[in-house]
């Protein structure tokens, strides 16, 4: 079984992926960390030096390397589902979970780390940008197998859902 967590930057994908993987005894992966390791530089540098299209190409290549791996939880980047047919690929090869955090919570989290986020780095006010970004990505996110919002996902419910899926596999 492969579990892909998707959602906006700042939605908690990496944090929850680690917890889920630990709880169900799967291997945790973070797609952004994998890309940085491959490139030998941080994602910010890839965006600045090579551009977003180059980054998305690498992202899709690295995602594809999970085709023959199992028992994993992968935290994707916020844009991963929106490029190169990645969302359809993830749905075909595993279970996708959209962490649909409210935008005000995401904004609050991201204000603290704005400088390390390539898409936010030069934005004075990130909220209008994030609203626009979410609007452009939401149709991809809605294709996820499961949708969890901040108000209704509690970790135990999430684990219970995943365990049921494991049993039915």
C-alpha atoms as a PDB file:
ATOM      1  CA  UNK A   1       0.000   0.000   0.000  1.00  0.00           C
ATOM      2  CA  UNK A   2       1.134   3.513  -0.838  1.00  0.00           C
ATOM      3  CA  UNK A   3      -0.299   6.561   0.924  1.00  0.00           C
ATOM      4  CA  UNK A   4       0.228  10.005  -0.585  1.00  0.00           C
ATOM      5  CA  UNK A   5      -0.566  13.097   1.482  1.00  0.00           C
ATOM      6  CA  UNK A   6      -1.440  16.125  -0.611  1.00  0.00           C
ATOM      7  CA  UNK A   7      -2.532  19.668   0.124  1.00  0.00           C
ATOM      8  CA  UNK A   8      -1.350  23.234   0.257  1.00  0.00           C
ATOM      9  CA  UNK A   9       2.067  24.119   1.578  1.00  0.00           C
ATOM     10  CA  UNK A  10       1.767  24.513   5.318  1.00  0.00           C
ATOM     11  CA  UNK A  11      -1.110  22.040   5.639  1.00  0.00           C
ATOM     12  CA  UNK A  12       0.936  19.601   7.729  1.00  0.00           C
ATOM     13  CA  UNK A  13       1.723  16.932   5.139  1.00  0.00           C
ATOM     14  CA  UNK A  14       5.254  16.196   6.337  1.00  0.00           C
ATOM     15  CA  UNK A  15       4.326  16.288  10.010  1.00  0.00           C
ATOM     16  CA  UNK A  16       1.323  13.981   9.623  1.00  0.00           C
ATOM     17  CA  UNK A  17       3.095  11.660   7.175  1.00  0.00           C
ATOM     18  CA  UNK A  18       5.783  10.980   9.776  1.00  0.00           C
ATOM     19  CA  UNK A  19       3.177  10.272  12.453  1.00  0.00           C
ATOM     20  CA  UNK A  20       1.122   8.019  10.195  1.00  0.00           C
ATOM     21  CA  UNK A  21       4.152   6.064   8.987  1.00  0.00           C
ATOM     22  CA  UNK A  22       5.312   5.537  12.555  1.00  0.00           C
ATOM     23  CA  UNK A  23       1.877   4.452  13.761  1.00  0.00           C
ATOM     24  CA  UNK A  24       1.209   1.940  10.965  1.00  0.00           C
ATOM     25  CA  UNK A  25       4.841   0.802  10.634  1.00  0.00           C
ATOM     26  CA  UNK A  26       5.322   2.070   7.077  1.00  0.00           C
ATOM     27  CA  UNK A  27       8.336   3.915   5.677  1.00  0.00           C
ATOM     28  CA  UNK A  28       8.099   7.714   5.622  1.00  0.00           C
ATOM     29  CA  UNK A  29       9.311   9.730   2.634  1.00  0.00           C
ATOM     30  CA  UNK A  30       9.236  13.455   1.912  1.00  0.00           C
ATOM     31  CA  UNK A  31       9.286  14.236  -1.808  1.00  0.00           C
ATOM     32  CA  UNK A  32      10.830  17.684  -1.328  1.00  0.00           C
ATOM     33  CA  UNK A  33      13.700  16.198   0.712  1.00  0.00           C
ATOM     34  CA  UNK A  34      14.279  13.570  -1.975  1.00  0.00           C
ATOM     35  CA  UNK A  35      14.447  16.269  -4.653  1.00  0.00           C
ATOM     36  CA  UNK A  36      16.879  18.355  -2.586  1.00  0.00           C
ATOM     37  CA  UNK A  37      19.103  15.312  -2.058  1.00  0.00           C
ATOM     38  CA  UNK A  38      19.106  14.538  -5.780  1.00  0.00           C
ATOM     39  CA  UNK A  39      19.842  18.137  -6.774  1.00  0.00           C
ATOM     40  CA  UNK A  40      22.343  18.748  -3.999  1.00  0.00           C
ATOM     41  CA  UNK A  41      20.708  22.102  -3.252  1.00  0.00           C
ATOM     42  CA  UNK A  42      17.580  23.396  -1.526  1.00  0.00           C
ATOM     43  CA  UNK A  43      14.352  23.756  -3.461  1.00  0.00           C
ATOM     44  CA  UNK A  44      14.665  27.552  -3.260  1.00  0.00           C
ATOM     45  CA  UNK A  45      17.891  27.287  -5.270  1.00  0.00           C
ATOM     46  CA  UNK A  46      16.330  24.968  -7.846  1.00  0.00           C
ATOM     47  CA  UNK A  47      13.509  27.459  -8.416  1.00  0.00           C
ATOM     48  CA  UNK A  48      15.917  30.407  -8.632  1.00  0.00           C
ATOM     49  CA  UNK A  49      18.572  28.767 -10.793  1.00  0.00           C
ATOM     50  CA  UNK A  50      16.630  26.314 -12.962  1.00  0.00           C
ATOM     51  CA  UNK A  51      13.017  27.496 -12.715  1.00  0.00           C
ATOM     52  CA  UNK A  52       9.767  25.868 -11.712  1.00  0.00           C
ATOM     53  CA  UNK A  53       9.393  23.745 -14.859  1.00  0.00           C
ATOM     54  CA  UNK A  54      12.735  22.065 -14.199  1.00  0.00           C
ATOM     55  CA  UNK A  55      11.710  21.472 -10.590  1.00  0.00           C
ATOM     56  CA  UNK A  56       8.388  19.923 -11.687  1.00  0.00           C
ATOM     57  CA  UNK A  57      10.221  17.608 -14.099  1.00  0.00           C
ATOM     58  CA  UNK A  58      12.467  16.300 -11.309  1.00  0.00           C
ATOM     59  CA  UNK A  59       9.474  16.065  -8.969  1.00  0.00           C
ATOM     60  CA  UNK A  60       7.577  13.848 -11.408  1.00  0.00           C
ATOM     61  CA  UNK A  61      10.626  11.665 -12.059  1.00  0.00           C
ATOM     62  CA  UNK A  62      11.173  11.126  -8.329  1.00  0.00           C
ATOM     63  CA  UNK A  63       7.485  10.430  -7.728  1.00  0.00           C
ATOM     64  CA  UNK A  64       7.571   7.764 -10.433  1.00  0.00           C
ATOM     65  CA  UNK A  65      10.342   5.927  -8.582  1.00  0.00           C
ATOM     66  CA  UNK A  66       7.761   4.880  -5.984  1.00  0.00           C
ATOM     67  CA  UNK A  67       5.866   2.729  -8.469  1.00  0.00           C
ATOM     68  CA  UNK A  68       7.445  -0.527  -7.283  1.00  0.00           C
ATOM     69  CA  UNK A  69       7.726   0.354  -3.591  1.00  0.00           C
ATOM     70  CA  UNK A  70       5.119  -0.521  -0.995  1.00  0.00           C
ATOM     71  CA  UNK A  71       4.218   0.155   2.627  1.00  0.00           C
ATOM     72  CA  UNK A  72       5.068   3.819   2.436  1.00  0.00           C
ATOM     73  CA  UNK A  73       3.686   7.201   3.340  1.00  0.00           C
ATOM     74  CA  UNK A  74       4.834  10.026   1.076  1.00  0.00           C
ATOM     75  CA  UNK A  75       4.475  13.712   1.890  1.00  0.00           C
ATOM     76  CA  UNK A  76       4.202  15.457  -1.466  1.00  0.00           C
ATOM     77  CA  UNK A  77       4.857  19.073  -2.302  1.00  0.00           C
ATOM     78  CA  UNK A  78       1.850  21.381  -2.472  1.00  0.00           C
ATOM     79  CA  UNK A  79       2.010  21.544  -6.266  1.00  0.00           C
ATOM     80  CA  UNK A  80       2.853  17.903  -6.917  1.00  0.00           C
ATOM     81  CA  UNK A  81      -0.723  16.831  -7.801  1.00  0.00           C
ATOM     82  CA  UNK A  82      -1.130  19.737 -10.235  1.00  0.00           C
ATOM     83  CA  UNK A  83       1.559  18.904 -12.770  1.00  0.00           C
ATOM     84  CA  UNK A  84       2.431  16.194 -15.268  1.00  0.00           C
ATOM     85  CA  UNK A  85      -0.608  14.033 -14.491  1.00  0.00           C
ATOM     86  CA  UNK A  86       0.828  13.322 -11.016  1.00  0.00           C
ATOM     87  CA  UNK A  87      -2.568  13.259  -9.292  1.00  0.00           C
ATOM     88  CA  UNK A  88      -3.893  10.573 -11.601  1.00  0.00           C
ATOM     89  CA  UNK A  89      -0.650   8.629 -11.172  1.00  0.00           C
ATOM     90  CA  UNK A  90      -0.905   8.770  -7.358  1.00  0.00           C
ATOM     91  CA  UNK A  91      -4.561   7.705  -7.424  1.00  0.00           C
ATOM     92  CA  UNK A  92      -3.698   4.800  -9.716  1.00  0.00           C
ATOM     93  CA  UNK A  93      -0.795   3.609  -7.565  1.00  0.00           C
ATOM     94  CA  UNK A  94      -2.041   4.301  -4.057  1.00  0.00           C
ATOM     95  CA  UNK A  95      -4.353   6.177  -1.748  1.00  0.00           C
ATOM     96  CA  UNK A  96      -4.363   9.956  -1.721  1.00  0.00           C
ATOM     97  CA  UNK A  97      -5.319  11.981   1.328  1.00  0.00           C
ATOM     98  CA  UNK A  98      -5.994  15.695   0.975  1.00  0.00           C
ATOM     99  CA  UNK A  99      -5.232  17.680   4.119  1.00  0.00           C
ATOM    100  CA  UNK A 100      -7.611  20.563   3.580  1.00  0.00           C
ATOM    101  CA  UNK A 101      -6.539  23.051   6.211  1.00  0.00           C
ATOM    102  CA  UNK A 102      -8.310  26.405   6.475  1.00  0.00           C
ATOM    103  CA  UNK A 103      -6.398  29.147   4.678  1.00  0.00           C
ATOM    104  CA  UNK A 104      -6.074  31.325   7.788  1.00  0.00           C
ATOM    105  CA  UNK A 105      -4.220  28.528   9.603  1.00  0.00           C
ATOM    106  CA  UNK A 106      -1.978  27.942   6.600  1.00  0.00           C
ATOM    107  CA  UNK A 107      -1.202  31.675   6.362  1.00  0.00           C
ATOM    108  CA  UNK A 108      -0.329  31.814  10.044  1.00  0.00           C
ATOM    109  CA  UNK A 109       2.061  28.868   9.710  1.00  0.00           C
ATOM    110  CA  UNK A 110       3.664  30.090   6.512  1.00  0.00           C
ATOM    111  CA  UNK A 111       4.330  33.649   7.695  1.00  0.00           C
ATOM    112  CA  UNK A 112       6.982  32.165   9.999  1.00  0.00           C
ATOM    113  CA  UNK A 113       8.768  30.372   7.163  1.00  0.00           C
ATOM    114  CA  UNK A 114       8.070  32.638   4.193  1.00  0.00           C
ATOM    115  CA  UNK A 115      11.761  33.064   3.362  1.00  0.00           C
ATOM    116  CA  UNK A 116      12.218  29.316   2.832  1.00  0.00           C
ATOM    117  CA  UNK A 117       9.227  28.902   0.515  1.00  0.00           C
ATOM    118  CA  UNK A 118      10.135  29.637  -3.123  1.00  0.00           C
ATOM    119  CA  UNK A 119       6.599  30.590  -4.142  1.00  0.00           C
ATOM    120  CA  UNK A 120       6.208  32.972  -1.177  1.00  0.00           C
ATOM    121  CA  UNK A 121       9.675  34.416  -0.858  1.00  0.00           C
ATOM    122  CA  UNK A 122       8.985  37.733  -2.600  1.00  0.00           C
ATOM    123  CA  UNK A 123       5.364  38.224  -1.532  1.00  0.00           C
ATOM    124  CA  UNK A 124       4.573  41.019   0.924  1.00  0.00           C
ATOM    125  CA  UNK A 125       1.063  39.790   1.707  1.00  0.00           C
ATOM    126  CA  UNK A 126       0.776  36.045   1.252  1.00  0.00           C
ATOM    127  CA  UNK A 127      -2.959  35.612   1.911  1.00  0.00           C
ATOM    128  CA  UNK A 128      -4.262  36.871  -1.474  1.00  0.00           C
ATOM    129  CA  UNK A 129      -1.596  34.853  -3.237  1.00  0.00           C
ATOM    130  CA  UNK A 130      -2.476  31.687  -1.301  1.00  0.00           C
ATOM    131  CA  UNK A 131      -6.186  32.156  -2.047  1.00  0.00           C
ATOM    132  CA  UNK A 132      -5.380  32.394  -5.744  1.00  0.00           C
ATOM    133  CA  UNK A 133      -3.001  29.428  -5.550  1.00  0.00           C
ATOM    134  CA  UNK A 134      -5.580  27.282  -3.766  1.00  0.00           C
ATOM    135  CA  UNK A 135      -8.197  28.227  -6.356  1.00  0.00           C
ATOM    136  CA  UNK A 136      -5.859  27.042  -9.124  1.00  0.00           C
ATOM    137  CA  UNK A 137      -5.095  23.758  -7.326  1.00  0.00           C
ATOM    138  CA  UNK A 138      -8.383  22.807  -5.711  1.00  0.00           C
ATOM    139  CA  UNK A 139      -9.693  20.757  -8.645  1.00  0.00           C
ATOM    140  CA  UNK A 140      -6.600  18.565  -8.414  1.00  0.00           C
ATOM    141  CA  UNK A 141      -6.861  18.241  -4.629  1.00  0.00           C
ATOM    142  CA  UNK A 142     -10.537  17.278  -4.891  1.00  0.00           C
ATOM    143  CA  UNK A 143      -9.496  14.161  -6.835  1.00  0.00           C
ATOM    144  CA  UNK A 144      -7.981  12.712  -3.649  1.00  0.00           C
ATOM    145  CA  UNK A 145      -9.358   9.430  -2.345  1.00  0.00           C
ATOM    146  CA  UNK A 146      -9.972  10.979   1.083  1.00  0.00           C
ATOM    147  CA  UNK A 147     -10.469  14.566   2.210  1.00  0.00           C
ATOM    148  CA  UNK A 148      -9.706  15.591   5.768  1.00  0.00           C
ATOM    149  CA  UNK A 149     -10.271  19.096   7.028  1.00  0.00           C
ATOM    150  CA  UNK A 150      -8.798  20.575  10.158  1.00  0.00           C
ATOM    151  CA  UNK A 151     -12.120  20.430  11.970  1.00  0.00           C
ATOM    152  CA  UNK A 152     -12.852  16.782  11.195  1.00  0.00           C
ATOM    153  CA  UNK A 153      -9.558  15.004  10.971  1.00  0.00           C
ATOM    154  CA  UNK A 154      -8.392  13.738  14.205  1.00  0.00           C
ATOM    155  CA  UNK A 155      -5.344  11.560  14.121  1.00  0.00           C
ATOM    156  CA  UNK A 156      -7.092   8.485  15.509  1.00  0.00           C
ATOM    157  CA  UNK A 157      -9.835   8.727  12.868  1.00  0.00           C
ATOM    158  CA  UNK A 158      -7.224   9.051  10.164  1.00  0.00           C
ATOM    159  CA  UNK A 159      -5.312   6.004  11.432  1.00  0.00           C
ATOM    160  CA  UNK A 160      -8.552   4.041  11.776  1.00  0.00           C
ATOM    161  CA  UNK A 161      -9.435   4.789   8.141  1.00  0.00           C
ATOM    162  CA  UNK A 162      -5.960   3.744   6.989  1.00  0.00           C
ATOM    163  CA  UNK A 163      -6.040   0.536   9.037  1.00  0.00           C
ATOM    164  CA  UNK A 164      -9.399  -0.391   7.488  1.00  0.00           C
ATOM    165  CA  UNK A 165      -7.879   0.137   4.052  1.00  0.00           C
ATOM    166  CA  UNK A 166      -4.884  -2.038   4.963  1.00  0.00           C
ATOM    167  CA  UNK A 167      -7.200  -4.835   6.095  1.00  0.00           C
ATOM    168  CA  UNK A 168      -9.177  -4.673   2.854  1.00  0.00           C
ATOM    169  CA  UNK A 169      -6.088  -4.712   0.686  1.00  0.00           C
END
